[in-house]
Amino acid sequence: MLASVTEHLTNSVGSHGAIAVFLLMAVDAILPVGGEIVMLYAGVLAAGALSQHAALFGIDLGTGLGAYIALAAAGGLGYLVGALVGWLIGVRGGRPLLERHGRWLHLGPERMDRAERWFHRFGAWAVFLGRLTPLVRSFISIPAGVLGSPLGSYTVLTLAGSMIWCLVFAGAGWAAGSHWESVHSALHYVDYVVVAAVLGLAVLVLVRRRRSGVRSAG
């Protein structure tokens, strides 16, 4: 089943180029559809490791740095659009929406409670950190709206986090070249490394917030 999903995603990116990257990443911002595979394959195409090239509105993007930036930007912007839709769903629907349809949105009570603790612990940084964390990134958009994350900071931090994520994974695809499938099979190890890095950053944010609180209290 995993092979068929991977094939479907890569065929979509290969056939429809940047538009497919944009749309798939928009969906991935709300429901996990394999954004890692999408951006890895986009990087492979940009590197010129395969015979086909990605296109944008019928225009061949070719290969090289320009194609890499265009596809990474398509992924980051698509993710931002999907994240804004998720935020709006959360604002309009609130907790009653999750109570009624949480199962279909992959946001049951446990995930919602986890998201609430995440926001409570990290504040505004929860959005940025969440976009870089594999186990959180696709489940933070709707809770952000439910929990009242300010639209301005939410948009900026989402764009920053998603662009970094897309650039990194497209870069990994570029580096992998024709061996990208081997990289994909080992992707869960990369996820562990990313989680460790994000946790390190989260600890740094917490330490700074606590120091700031101590200084304010003093």
N, C-alpha and C. Protein backbone atom coordinates (compact mmCIF):
# COMPACT_ATOMS: atom_id res chain seq x y z
N MET A 1 0.83 -1.20 0.00
CA MET A 1 0.00 0.00 0.00
C MET A 1 0.87 1.26 0.00
N LEU A 2 1.96 1.23 0.83
CA LEU A 2 2.86 2.36 0.87
C LEU A 2 3.47 2.63 -0.49
N ALA A 3 3.81 1.53 -1.21
CA ALA A 3 4.40 1.69 -2.54
C ALA A 3 3.42 2.36 -3.49
N SER A 4 2.13 2.00 -3.41
CA SER A 4 1.14 2.58 -4.31
C SER A 4 0.93 4.05 -3.99
N VAL A 5 0.93 4.41 -2.70
CA VAL A 5 0.78 5.81 -2.32
C VAL A 5 1.97 6.62 -2.82
N THR A 6 3.17 6.09 -2.62
CA THR A 6 4.38 6.76 -3.09
C THR A 6 4.34 6.96 -4.59
N GLU A 7 3.94 5.92 -5.31
CA GLU A 7 3.87 6.00 -6.77
C GLU A 7 2.85 7.05 -7.21
N HIS A 8 1.72 7.10 -6.53
CA HIS A 8 0.69 8.08 -6.87
C HIS A 8 1.22 9.50 -6.67
N LEU A 9 1.89 9.73 -5.55
CA LEU A 9 2.41 11.06 -5.27
C LEU A 9 3.48 11.47 -6.26
N THR A 10 4.41 10.57 -6.53
CA THR A 10 5.49 10.91 -7.45
C THR A 10 4.98 11.09 -8.88
N ASN A 11 4.01 10.28 -9.27
CA ASN A 11 3.42 10.44 -10.61
C ASN A 11 2.72 11.79 -10.72
N SER A 12 2.04 12.21 -9.65
CA SER A 12 1.35 13.50 -9.67
C SER A 12 2.35 14.64 -9.82
N VAL A 13 3.45 14.58 -9.06
CA VAL A 13 4.45 15.63 -9.16
C VAL A 13 5.13 15.60 -10.51
N GLY A 14 5.43 14.40 -11.02
CA GLY A 14 6.07 14.29 -12.31
C GLY A 14 5.19 14.78 -13.46
N SER A 15 3.88 14.54 -13.34
CA SER A 15 2.96 14.92 -14.42
C SER A 15 2.52 16.38 -14.34
N HIS A 16 2.32 16.89 -13.13
CA HIS A 16 1.75 18.23 -12.98
C HIS A 16 2.70 19.24 -12.33
N GLY A 17 3.89 18.82 -12.00
CA GLY A 17 4.93 19.73 -11.56
C GLY A 17 4.61 20.56 -10.34
N ALA A 18 4.90 21.84 -10.44
CA ALA A 18 4.78 22.75 -9.30
C ALA A 18 3.35 22.86 -8.79
N ILE A 19 2.37 22.74 -9.69
CA ILE A 19 0.96 22.82 -9.28
C ILE A 19 0.64 21.65 -8.34
N ALA A 20 1.11 20.44 -8.69
CA ALA A 20 0.88 19.27 -7.84
C ALA A 20 1.58 19.44 -6.50
N VAL A 21 2.79 19.98 -6.51
CA VAL A 21 3.52 20.22 -5.26
C VAL A 21 2.73 21.18 -4.39
N PHE A 22 2.24 22.26 -4.98
CA PHE A 22 1.46 23.26 -4.25
C PHE A 22 0.22 22.63 -3.62
N LEU A 23 -0.56 21.90 -4.41
CA LEU A 23 -1.82 21.34 -3.93
C LEU A 23 -1.61 20.25 -2.89
N LEU A 24 -0.65 19.37 -3.15
CA LEU A 24 -0.40 18.28 -2.21
C LEU A 24 0.10 18.81 -0.87
N MET A 25 0.94 19.82 -0.91
CA MET A 25 1.43 20.39 0.34
C MET A 25 0.34 21.17 1.07
N ALA A 26 -0.60 21.75 0.32
CA ALA A 26 -1.73 22.42 0.95
C ALA A 26 -2.57 21.42 1.74
N VAL A 27 -2.80 20.26 1.16
CA VAL A 27 -3.55 19.22 1.87
C VAL A 27 -2.75 18.70 3.05
N ASP A 28 -1.44 18.55 2.87
CA ASP A 28 -0.58 18.01 3.92
C ASP A 28 -0.54 18.90 5.15
N ALA A 29 -0.90 20.17 4.99
CA ALA A 29 -0.93 21.09 6.13
C ALA A 29 -2.07 20.77 7.08
N ILE A 30 -3.06 20.02 6.59
CA ILE A 30 -4.23 19.68 7.42
C ILE A 30 -4.28 18.18 7.70
N LEU A 31 -4.03 17.38 6.67
CA LEU A 31 -4.03 15.93 6.79
C LEU A 31 -2.73 15.40 6.19
N PRO A 32 -2.03 14.50 6.88
CA PRO A 32 -0.76 13.99 6.34
C PRO A 32 -0.97 13.15 5.08
N VAL A 33 -0.41 13.61 3.96
CA VAL A 33 -0.55 12.88 2.70
C VAL A 33 0.81 12.50 2.11
N GLY A 34 1.87 12.65 2.89
CA GLY A 34 3.19 12.29 2.38
C GLY A 34 3.97 13.47 1.86
N GLY A 35 3.95 14.58 2.59
CA GLY A 35 4.68 15.76 2.15
C GLY A 35 6.16 15.52 2.00
N GLU A 36 6.73 14.62 2.82
CA GLU A 36 8.14 14.30 2.70
C GLU A 36 8.46 13.73 1.33
N ILE A 37 7.61 12.81 0.87
CA ILE A 37 7.83 12.19 -0.43
C ILE A 37 7.69 13.22 -1.54
N VAL A 38 6.70 14.10 -1.42
CA VAL A 38 6.46 15.13 -2.43
C VAL A 38 7.69 16.01 -2.61
N MET A 39 8.24 16.52 -1.50
CA MET A 39 9.37 17.43 -1.60
C MET A 39 10.66 16.72 -1.96
N LEU A 40 10.84 15.49 -1.49
CA LEU A 40 12.01 14.72 -1.91
C LEU A 40 12.02 14.53 -3.42
N TYR A 41 10.86 14.14 -3.95
CA TYR A 41 10.79 13.89 -5.40
C TYR A 41 10.94 15.18 -6.18
N ALA A 42 10.42 16.28 -5.63
CA ALA A 42 10.60 17.58 -6.29
C ALA A 42 12.09 17.91 -6.39
N GLY A 43 12.84 17.61 -5.32
CA GLY A 43 14.27 17.84 -5.34
C GLY A 43 14.98 16.97 -6.35
N VAL A 44 14.53 15.73 -6.47
CA VAL A 44 15.11 14.82 -7.46
C VAL A 44 14.91 15.36 -8.87
N LEU A 45 13.71 15.84 -9.16
CA LEU A 45 13.42 16.41 -10.48
C LEU A 45 14.27 17.66 -10.73
N ALA A 46 14.40 18.50 -9.72
CA ALA A 46 15.18 19.73 -9.88
C ALA A 46 16.65 19.42 -10.15
N ALA A 47 17.14 18.33 -9.58
CA ALA A 47 18.54 17.96 -9.77
C ALA A 47 18.81 17.39 -11.16
N GLY A 48 17.76 17.03 -11.88
CA GLY A 48 17.95 16.46 -13.21
C GLY A 48 18.36 15.00 -13.18
N ALA A 49 18.06 14.31 -12.07
CA ALA A 49 18.45 12.91 -11.94
C ALA A 49 17.57 11.97 -12.76
N LEU A 50 16.39 12.47 -13.19
CA LEU A 50 15.47 11.66 -13.97
C LEU A 50 15.26 12.30 -15.34
N SER A 51 14.67 11.54 -16.23
CA SER A 51 14.48 12.05 -17.60
C SER A 51 13.42 13.14 -17.66
N GLN A 52 12.43 13.11 -16.76
CA GLN A 52 11.37 14.10 -16.79
C GLN A 52 11.73 15.32 -15.96
N HIS A 53 11.12 16.46 -16.33
CA HIS A 53 11.34 17.71 -15.61
C HIS A 53 10.00 18.20 -15.06
N ALA A 54 10.06 18.97 -14.00
CA ALA A 54 8.84 19.58 -13.47
C ALA A 54 8.48 20.79 -14.32
N ALA A 55 7.19 21.13 -14.32
CA ALA A 55 6.71 22.26 -15.11
C ALA A 55 5.80 23.14 -14.26
N LEU A 56 5.56 24.35 -14.72
CA LEU A 56 4.64 25.28 -14.08
C LEU A 56 3.78 25.91 -15.17
N PHE A 57 2.48 25.59 -15.16
CA PHE A 57 1.55 26.08 -16.19
C PHE A 57 2.06 25.76 -17.59
N GLY A 58 2.58 24.54 -17.75
CA GLY A 58 3.05 24.10 -19.06
C GLY A 58 4.44 24.55 -19.43
N ILE A 59 5.07 25.36 -18.59
CA ILE A 59 6.43 25.85 -18.87
C ILE A 59 7.42 24.94 -18.15
N ASP A 60 8.33 24.36 -18.91
CA ASP A 60 9.34 23.48 -18.35
C ASP A 60 10.27 24.26 -17.43
N LEU A 61 10.36 23.84 -16.18
CA LEU A 61 11.24 24.51 -15.23
C LEU A 61 12.69 24.10 -15.39
N GLY A 62 12.91 23.04 -16.17
CA GLY A 62 14.26 22.58 -16.39
C GLY A 62 14.86 22.00 -15.11
N THR A 63 16.17 22.13 -14.98
CA THR A 63 16.86 21.63 -13.79
C THR A 63 17.79 22.72 -13.26
N GLY A 64 18.29 22.48 -12.07
CA GLY A 64 19.23 23.44 -11.50
C GLY A 64 18.62 24.22 -10.35
N LEU A 65 19.33 25.26 -9.93
CA LEU A 65 18.95 26.04 -8.76
C LEU A 65 17.59 26.71 -8.94
N GLY A 66 17.31 27.22 -10.14
CA GLY A 66 16.02 27.88 -10.37
C GLY A 66 14.85 26.94 -10.17
N ALA A 67 14.97 25.70 -10.68
CA ALA A 67 13.90 24.72 -10.51
C ALA A 67 13.75 24.33 -9.05
N TYR A 68 14.87 24.20 -8.37
CA TYR A 68 14.86 23.84 -6.94
C TYR A 68 14.12 24.91 -6.13
N ILE A 69 14.45 26.17 -6.36
CA ILE A 69 13.82 27.27 -5.62
C ILE A 69 12.33 27.34 -5.95
N ALA A 70 11.99 27.18 -7.24
CA ALA A 70 10.59 27.27 -7.66
C ALA A 70 9.75 26.17 -7.01
N LEU A 71 10.27 24.95 -6.98
CA LEU A 71 9.51 23.83 -6.40
C LEU A 71 9.43 23.94 -4.88
N ALA A 72 10.52 24.36 -4.26
CA ALA A 72 10.48 24.55 -2.80
C ALA A 72 9.50 25.66 -2.43
N ALA A 73 9.50 26.74 -3.21
CA ALA A 73 8.57 27.84 -2.96
C ALA A 73 7.13 27.38 -3.16
N ALA A 74 6.88 26.57 -4.20
CA ALA A 74 5.54 26.04 -4.43
C ALA A 74 5.08 25.22 -3.24
N GLY A 75 5.99 24.41 -2.69
CA GLY A 75 5.65 23.60 -1.52
C GLY A 75 5.37 24.45 -0.30
N GLY A 76 6.24 25.44 -0.05
CA GLY A 76 6.06 26.29 1.12
C GLY A 76 4.80 27.14 1.06
N LEU A 77 4.53 27.70 -0.12
CA LEU A 77 3.33 28.53 -0.28
C LEU A 77 2.06 27.68 -0.23
N GLY A 78 2.13 26.49 -0.83
CA GLY A 78 0.98 25.60 -0.76
C GLY A 78 0.68 25.20 0.67
N TYR A 79 1.73 24.92 1.41
CA TYR A 79 1.55 24.56 2.82
C TYR A 79 0.96 25.72 3.60
N LEU A 80 1.40 26.93 3.30
CA LEU A 80 0.85 28.11 3.98
C LEU A 80 -0.64 28.25 3.70
N VAL A 81 -1.05 28.08 2.46
CA VAL A 81 -2.48 28.18 2.11
C VAL A 81 -3.28 27.14 2.86
N GLY A 82 -2.80 25.89 2.86
CA GLY A 82 -3.51 24.85 3.59
C GLY A 82 -3.57 25.12 5.08
N ALA A 83 -2.48 25.66 5.62
CA ALA A 83 -2.43 25.98 7.05
C ALA A 83 -3.41 27.09 7.40
N LEU A 84 -3.56 28.07 6.50
CA LEU A 84 -4.53 29.14 6.74
C LEU A 84 -5.96 28.62 6.68
N VAL A 85 -6.21 27.69 5.77
CA VAL A 85 -7.54 27.07 5.71
C VAL A 85 -7.81 26.32 7.01
N GLY A 86 -6.81 25.57 7.48
CA GLY A 86 -6.97 24.85 8.73
C GLY A 86 -7.22 25.79 9.90
N TRP A 87 -6.48 26.89 9.95
CA TRP A 87 -6.67 27.88 11.00
C TRP A 87 -8.09 28.44 10.97
N LEU A 88 -8.59 28.75 9.76
CA LEU A 88 -9.94 29.30 9.61
C LEU A 88 -10.99 28.29 10.05
N ILE A 89 -10.77 27.01 9.71
CA ILE A 89 -11.70 25.97 10.15
C ILE A 89 -11.75 25.93 11.68
N GLY A 90 -10.58 26.03 12.30
CA GLY A 90 -10.53 26.02 13.76
C GLY A 90 -11.23 27.22 14.37
N VAL A 91 -11.03 28.41 13.77
CA VAL A 91 -11.66 29.63 14.29
C VAL A 91 -13.17 29.56 14.15
N ARG A 92 -13.63 29.13 12.99
CA ARG A 92 -15.08 29.11 12.73
C ARG A 92 -15.77 27.96 13.47
N GLY A 93 -15.12 26.80 13.52
CA GLY A 93 -15.78 25.64 14.10
C GLY A 93 -15.56 25.47 15.59
N GLY A 94 -14.35 25.83 16.05
CA GLY A 94 -14.04 25.69 17.46
C GLY A 94 -14.06 24.25 17.94
N ARG A 95 -14.11 24.10 19.23
CA ARG A 95 -14.10 22.75 19.82
C ARG A 95 -15.31 21.91 19.41
N PRO A 96 -16.52 22.51 19.24
CA PRO A 96 -17.64 21.67 18.81
C PRO A 96 -17.37 20.94 17.49
N LEU A 97 -16.62 21.61 16.58
CA LEU A 97 -16.28 20.96 15.31
C LEU A 97 -15.43 19.72 15.56
N LEU A 98 -14.45 19.83 16.44
CA LEU A 98 -13.58 18.70 16.72
C LEU A 98 -14.33 17.59 17.44
N GLU A 99 -15.27 17.96 18.27
CA GLU A 99 -16.06 16.95 18.97
C GLU A 99 -16.92 16.15 18.00
N ARG A 100 -17.43 16.85 16.96
CA ARG A 100 -18.31 16.18 15.98
C ARG A 100 -17.52 15.45 14.90
N HIS A 101 -16.44 16.06 14.42
CA HIS A 101 -15.74 15.53 13.24
C HIS A 101 -14.26 15.27 13.50
N GLY A 102 -13.85 15.23 14.75
CA GLY A 102 -12.44 15.04 15.06
C GLY A 102 -11.84 13.78 14.47
N ARG A 103 -12.63 12.71 14.42
CA ARG A 103 -12.13 11.46 13.86
C ARG A 103 -11.75 11.61 12.40
N TRP A 104 -12.60 12.30 11.63
CA TRP A 104 -12.33 12.47 10.20
C TRP A 104 -11.17 13.44 9.97
N LEU A 105 -10.95 14.35 10.89
CA LEU A 105 -9.86 15.31 10.77
C LEU A 105 -8.59 14.80 11.42
N HIS A 106 -8.61 13.55 11.87
CA HIS A 106 -7.46 12.96 12.57
C HIS A 106 -7.10 13.78 13.80
N LEU A 107 -8.10 14.35 14.46
CA LEU A 107 -7.86 15.19 15.63
C LEU A 107 -8.80 14.77 16.76
N GLY A 108 -8.52 13.61 17.32
CA GLY A 108 -9.32 13.15 18.44
C GLY A 108 -8.96 13.92 19.71
N PRO A 109 -9.63 13.63 20.81
CA PRO A 109 -9.39 14.35 22.07
C PRO A 109 -7.93 14.31 22.51
N GLU A 110 -7.26 13.16 22.31
CA GLU A 110 -5.87 13.05 22.74
C GLU A 110 -4.97 14.01 21.97
N ARG A 111 -5.15 14.09 20.64
CA ARG A 111 -4.32 14.99 19.84
C ARG A 111 -4.64 16.45 20.17
N MET A 112 -5.90 16.74 20.42
CA MET A 112 -6.27 18.12 20.75
C MET A 112 -5.67 18.51 22.09
N ASP A 113 -5.71 17.61 23.05
CA ASP A 113 -5.10 17.90 24.35
C ASP A 113 -3.59 18.10 24.21
N ARG A 114 -2.98 17.28 23.35
CA ARG A 114 -1.54 17.41 23.13
C ARG A 114 -1.21 18.74 22.47
N ALA A 115 -2.05 19.15 21.51
CA ALA A 115 -1.83 20.43 20.84
C ALA A 115 -1.99 21.59 21.81
N GLU A 116 -2.98 21.47 22.70
CA GLU A 116 -3.20 22.53 23.68
C GLU A 116 -2.01 22.66 24.62
N ARG A 117 -1.46 21.54 25.06
CA ARG A 117 -0.27 21.57 25.92
C ARG A 117 0.91 22.16 25.16
N TRP A 118 1.01 21.82 23.87
CA TRP A 118 2.10 22.33 23.03
C TRP A 118 2.05 23.85 22.96
N PHE A 119 0.85 24.40 22.71
CA PHE A 119 0.71 25.86 22.63
C PHE A 119 0.93 26.52 23.98
N HIS A 120 0.44 25.89 25.02
CA HIS A 120 0.60 26.45 26.36
C HIS A 120 2.07 26.51 26.74
N ARG A 121 2.83 25.52 26.34
CA ARG A 121 4.24 25.43 26.72
C ARG A 121 5.12 26.39 25.93
N PHE A 122 4.87 26.49 24.62
CA PHE A 122 5.78 27.24 23.77
C PHE A 122 5.23 28.58 23.27
N GLY A 123 3.98 28.87 23.54
CA GLY A 123 3.42 30.14 23.11
C GLY A 123 3.42 30.27 21.59
N ALA A 124 3.78 31.48 21.10
CA ALA A 124 3.78 31.73 19.66
C ALA A 124 4.76 30.82 18.93
N TRP A 125 5.85 30.42 19.60
CA TRP A 125 6.83 29.56 18.97
C TRP A 125 6.28 28.17 18.66
N ALA A 126 5.12 27.82 19.26
CA ALA A 126 4.54 26.51 19.02
C ALA A 126 4.26 26.30 17.54
N VAL A 127 3.87 27.35 16.83
CA VAL A 127 3.56 27.23 15.40
C VAL A 127 4.83 26.91 14.62
N PHE A 128 5.89 27.68 14.87
CA PHE A 128 7.14 27.47 14.14
C PHE A 128 7.73 26.10 14.43
N LEU A 129 7.80 25.73 15.70
CA LEU A 129 8.34 24.43 16.07
C LEU A 129 7.48 23.30 15.51
N GLY A 130 6.16 23.49 15.53
CA GLY A 130 5.27 22.47 15.02
C GLY A 130 5.45 22.21 13.55
N ARG A 131 5.76 23.24 12.77
CA ARG A 131 5.95 23.06 11.33
C ARG A 131 7.21 22.27 11.01
N LEU A 132 8.13 22.16 11.95
CA LEU A 132 9.37 21.45 11.72
C LEU A 132 9.37 20.05 12.34
N THR A 133 8.29 19.71 13.02
CA THR A 133 8.24 18.44 13.74
C THR A 133 7.36 17.44 12.99
N PRO A 134 7.92 16.33 12.51
CA PRO A 134 7.16 15.37 11.70
C PRO A 134 5.89 14.87 12.35
N LEU A 135 5.89 14.63 13.64
CA LEU A 135 4.72 14.06 14.29
C LEU A 135 3.67 15.10 14.66
N VAL A 136 3.96 16.36 14.43
CA VAL A 136 3.06 17.44 14.85
C VAL A 136 2.58 18.29 13.67
N ARG A 137 3.41 18.45 12.65
CA ARG A 137 3.22 19.47 11.63
C ARG A 137 1.87 19.41 10.91
N SER A 138 1.34 18.22 10.72
CA SER A 138 0.06 18.11 9.99
C SER A 138 -1.15 18.20 10.90
N PHE A 139 -0.94 18.33 12.22
CA PHE A 139 -2.06 18.34 13.15
C PHE A 139 -2.14 19.62 13.97
N ILE A 140 -1.43 20.65 13.55
CA ILE A 140 -1.38 21.86 14.36
C ILE A 140 -2.24 22.99 13.80
N SER A 141 -2.61 22.92 12.53
CA SER A 141 -3.32 24.03 11.88
C SER A 141 -4.68 24.29 12.50
N ILE A 142 -5.53 23.28 12.59
CA ILE A 142 -6.87 23.47 13.13
C ILE A 142 -6.84 23.81 14.62
N PRO A 143 -6.05 23.10 15.44
CA PRO A 143 -5.97 23.50 16.85
C PRO A 143 -5.47 24.93 17.03
N ALA A 144 -4.60 25.42 16.13
CA ALA A 144 -4.13 26.80 16.24
C ALA A 144 -5.30 27.77 16.15
N GLY A 145 -6.25 27.49 15.26
CA GLY A 145 -7.43 28.33 15.15
C GLY A 145 -8.35 28.19 16.34
N VAL A 146 -8.53 26.95 16.80
CA VAL A 146 -9.39 26.70 17.95
C VAL A 146 -8.86 27.42 19.19
N LEU A 147 -7.54 27.40 19.35
CA LEU A 147 -6.92 27.98 20.55
C LEU A 147 -6.61 29.46 20.41
N GLY A 148 -7.03 30.07 19.29
CA GLY A 148 -6.92 31.51 19.15
C GLY A 148 -5.54 32.03 18.81
N SER A 149 -4.75 31.27 18.07
CA SER A 149 -3.44 31.76 17.66
C SER A 149 -3.61 32.99 16.77
N PRO A 150 -2.94 34.13 17.06
CA PRO A 150 -3.10 35.36 16.25
C PRO A 150 -2.73 35.11 14.80
N LEU A 151 -3.56 35.60 13.88
CA LEU A 151 -3.36 35.32 12.47
C LEU A 151 -2.01 35.83 11.96
N GLY A 152 -1.62 37.04 12.38
CA GLY A 152 -0.38 37.63 11.87
C GLY A 152 0.84 36.78 12.19
N SER A 153 1.05 36.50 13.47
CA SER A 153 2.21 35.70 13.87
C SER A 153 2.09 34.28 13.36
N TYR A 154 0.87 33.75 13.32
CA TYR A 154 0.65 32.39 12.80
C TYR A 154 1.09 32.30 11.34
N THR A 155 0.75 33.30 10.54
CA THR A 155 1.10 33.29 9.13
C THR A 155 2.61 33.38 8.93
N VAL A 156 3.24 34.31 9.63
CA VAL A 156 4.69 34.50 9.48
C VAL A 156 5.46 33.27 9.93
N LEU A 157 5.11 32.72 11.09
CA LEU A 157 5.83 31.57 11.62
C LEU A 157 5.56 30.31 10.81
N THR A 158 4.34 30.18 10.30
CA THR A 158 4.03 29.04 9.43
C THR A 158 4.84 29.11 8.15
N LEU A 159 4.88 30.28 7.52
CA LEU A 159 5.63 30.42 6.28
C LEU A 159 7.12 30.15 6.51
N ALA A 160 7.67 30.69 7.60
CA ALA A 160 9.09 30.48 7.89
C ALA A 160 9.39 28.99 8.11
N GLY A 161 8.58 28.35 8.95
CA GLY A 161 8.81 26.95 9.24
C GLY A 161 8.61 26.05 8.04
N SER A 162 7.55 26.30 7.27
CA SER A 162 7.27 25.45 6.11
C SER A 162 8.30 25.64 5.00
N MET A 163 8.81 26.87 4.81
CA MET A 163 9.83 27.09 3.79
C MET A 163 11.13 26.38 4.16
N ILE A 164 11.51 26.45 5.43
CA ILE A 164 12.70 25.73 5.87
C ILE A 164 12.53 24.24 5.63
N TRP A 165 11.37 23.73 6.01
CA TRP A 165 11.11 22.29 5.86
C TRP A 165 11.16 21.88 4.39
N CYS A 166 10.53 22.66 3.52
CA CYS A 166 10.50 22.31 2.09
C CYS A 166 11.89 22.42 1.47
N LEU A 167 12.64 23.44 1.82
CA LEU A 167 13.99 23.59 1.30
C LEU A 167 14.88 22.43 1.72
N VAL A 168 14.74 22.00 2.98
CA VAL A 168 15.57 20.90 3.48
C VAL A 168 15.23 19.59 2.78
N PHE A 169 13.95 19.28 2.65
CA PHE A 169 13.58 18.00 2.03
C PHE A 169 13.82 18.01 0.53
N ALA A 170 13.59 19.14 -0.13
CA ALA A 170 13.92 19.22 -1.56
C ALA A 170 15.43 19.11 -1.74
N GLY A 171 16.19 19.70 -0.82
CA GLY A 171 17.63 19.58 -0.88
C GLY A 171 18.10 18.15 -0.68
N ALA A 172 17.42 17.42 0.21
CA ALA A 172 17.75 16.01 0.41
C ALA A 172 17.47 15.21 -0.86
N GLY A 173 16.35 15.54 -1.53
CA GLY A 173 16.05 14.86 -2.79
C GLY A 173 17.08 15.17 -3.86
N TRP A 174 17.52 16.43 -3.90
CA TRP A 174 18.56 16.85 -4.84
C TRP A 174 19.83 16.03 -4.60
N ALA A 175 20.23 15.93 -3.33
CA ALA A 175 21.46 15.22 -2.99
C ALA A 175 21.33 13.72 -3.28
N ALA A 176 20.13 13.18 -3.08
CA ALA A 176 19.93 11.75 -3.30
C ALA A 176 19.97 11.39 -4.77
N GLY A 177 19.46 12.28 -5.61
CA GLY A 177 19.45 12.01 -7.04
C GLY A 177 18.67 10.76 -7.38
N SER A 178 19.28 9.89 -8.18
CA SER A 178 18.59 8.68 -8.63
C SER A 178 18.44 7.66 -7.50
N HIS A 179 19.06 7.91 -6.35
CA HIS A 179 18.97 6.99 -5.22
C HIS A 179 17.92 7.44 -4.20
N TRP A 180 16.98 8.27 -4.62
CA TRP A 180 16.03 8.86 -3.69
C TRP A 180 15.16 7.81 -2.99
N GLU A 181 14.87 6.69 -3.66
CA GLU A 181 14.03 5.67 -3.03
C GLU A 181 14.72 5.09 -1.80
N SER A 182 16.03 4.93 -1.87
CA SER A 182 16.77 4.44 -0.70
C SER A 182 16.68 5.45 0.43
N VAL A 183 16.73 6.72 0.07
CA VAL A 183 16.61 7.76 1.08
C VAL A 183 15.23 7.72 1.71
N HIS A 184 14.20 7.52 0.88
CA HIS A 184 12.84 7.47 1.41
C HIS A 184 12.66 6.31 2.38
N SER A 185 13.27 5.17 2.08
CA SER A 185 13.13 4.02 2.98
C SER A 185 13.76 4.26 4.33
N ALA A 186 14.74 5.18 4.36
CA ALA A 186 15.41 5.50 5.62
C ALA A 186 14.89 6.81 6.21
N LEU A 187 13.79 7.32 5.68
CA LEU A 187 13.31 8.64 6.07
C LEU A 187 12.94 8.72 7.55
N HIS A 188 12.47 7.61 8.12
CA HIS A 188 12.08 7.68 9.52
C HIS A 188 13.26 7.97 10.42
N TYR A 189 14.47 7.59 9.99
CA TYR A 189 15.65 7.93 10.78
C TYR A 189 15.90 9.43 10.72
N VAL A 190 15.65 10.02 9.55
CA VAL A 190 15.78 11.47 9.43
C VAL A 190 14.78 12.17 10.33
N ASP A 191 13.57 11.60 10.39
CA ASP A 191 12.54 12.17 11.26
C ASP A 191 13.03 12.24 12.71
N TYR A 192 13.69 11.18 13.15
CA TYR A 192 14.19 11.17 14.52
C TYR A 192 15.20 12.29 14.75
N VAL A 193 16.06 12.50 13.76
CA VAL A 193 17.05 13.57 13.88
C VAL A 193 16.37 14.93 13.94
N VAL A 194 15.35 15.11 13.09
CA VAL A 194 14.61 16.38 13.08
C VAL A 194 13.91 16.60 14.41
N VAL A 195 13.28 15.54 14.93
CA VAL A 195 12.61 15.66 16.22
C VAL A 195 13.59 16.07 17.31
N ALA A 196 14.78 15.45 17.31
CA ALA A 196 15.79 15.79 18.31
C ALA A 196 16.21 17.25 18.19
N ALA A 197 16.38 17.72 16.93
CA ALA A 197 16.78 19.11 16.73
C ALA A 197 15.70 20.07 17.20
N VAL A 198 14.45 19.75 16.90
CA VAL A 198 13.34 20.61 17.30
C VAL A 198 13.19 20.62 18.82
N LEU A 199 13.36 19.46 19.44
CA LEU A 199 13.28 19.40 20.90
C LEU A 199 14.39 20.25 21.53
N GLY A 200 15.58 20.22 20.91
CA GLY A 200 16.66 21.06 21.41
C GLY A 200 16.31 22.53 21.32
N LEU A 201 15.72 22.93 20.19
CA LEU A 201 15.29 24.32 20.03
C LEU A 201 14.19 24.67 21.02
N ALA A 202 13.28 23.72 21.24
CA ALA A 202 12.19 23.95 22.18
C ALA A 202 12.73 24.16 23.59
N VAL A 203 13.71 23.37 23.98
CA VAL A 203 14.33 23.54 25.30
C VAL A 203 14.96 24.92 25.42
N LEU A 204 15.63 25.35 24.33
CA LEU A 204 16.26 26.67 24.34
C LEU A 204 15.23 27.77 24.53
N VAL A 205 14.08 27.64 23.84
CA VAL A 205 13.01 28.63 23.96
C VAL A 205 12.47 28.64 25.39
N LEU A 206 12.27 27.46 25.97
CA LEU A 206 11.76 27.38 27.34
C LEU A 206 12.72 28.01 28.34
N VAL A 207 14.00 27.73 28.17
CA VAL A 207 15.00 28.30 29.08
C VAL A 207 14.99 29.81 29.00
N ARG A 208 14.92 30.34 27.78
CA ARG A 208 14.90 31.79 27.62
C ARG A 208 13.65 32.40 28.22
N ARG A 209 12.50 31.73 28.05
CA ARG A 209 11.25 32.26 28.60
C ARG A 209 11.30 32.26 30.12
N ARG A 210 11.86 31.21 30.70
CA ARG A 210 11.93 31.14 32.16
C ARG A 210 12.89 32.20 32.69
N ARG A 211 14.01 32.39 32.01
CA ARG A 211 14.94 33.43 32.44
C ARG A 211 14.31 34.80 32.36
N SER A 212 13.53 35.01 31.27
CA SER A 212 12.84 36.28 31.11
C SER A 212 11.82 36.48 32.22
N GLY A 213 11.12 35.39 32.60
CA GLY A 213 10.14 35.47 33.67
C GLY A 213 10.77 35.77 35.01
N VAL A 214 11.95 35.17 35.25
CA VAL A 214 12.66 35.41 36.51
C VAL A 214 13.10 36.86 36.60
N ARG A 215 13.60 37.39 35.46
CA ARG A 215 14.04 38.77 35.45
C ARG A 215 12.87 39.71 35.68
N SER A 216 11.71 39.39 35.08
CA SER A 216 10.53 40.26 35.26
C SER A 216 10.06 40.24 36.70
N ALA A 217 10.10 39.03 37.30
CA ALA A 217 9.67 38.91 38.69
C ALA A 217 10.63 39.63 39.62
N GLY A 218 11.95 39.61 39.24
CA GLY A 218 12.93 40.30 40.07
C GLY A 218 12.81 41.80 39.96
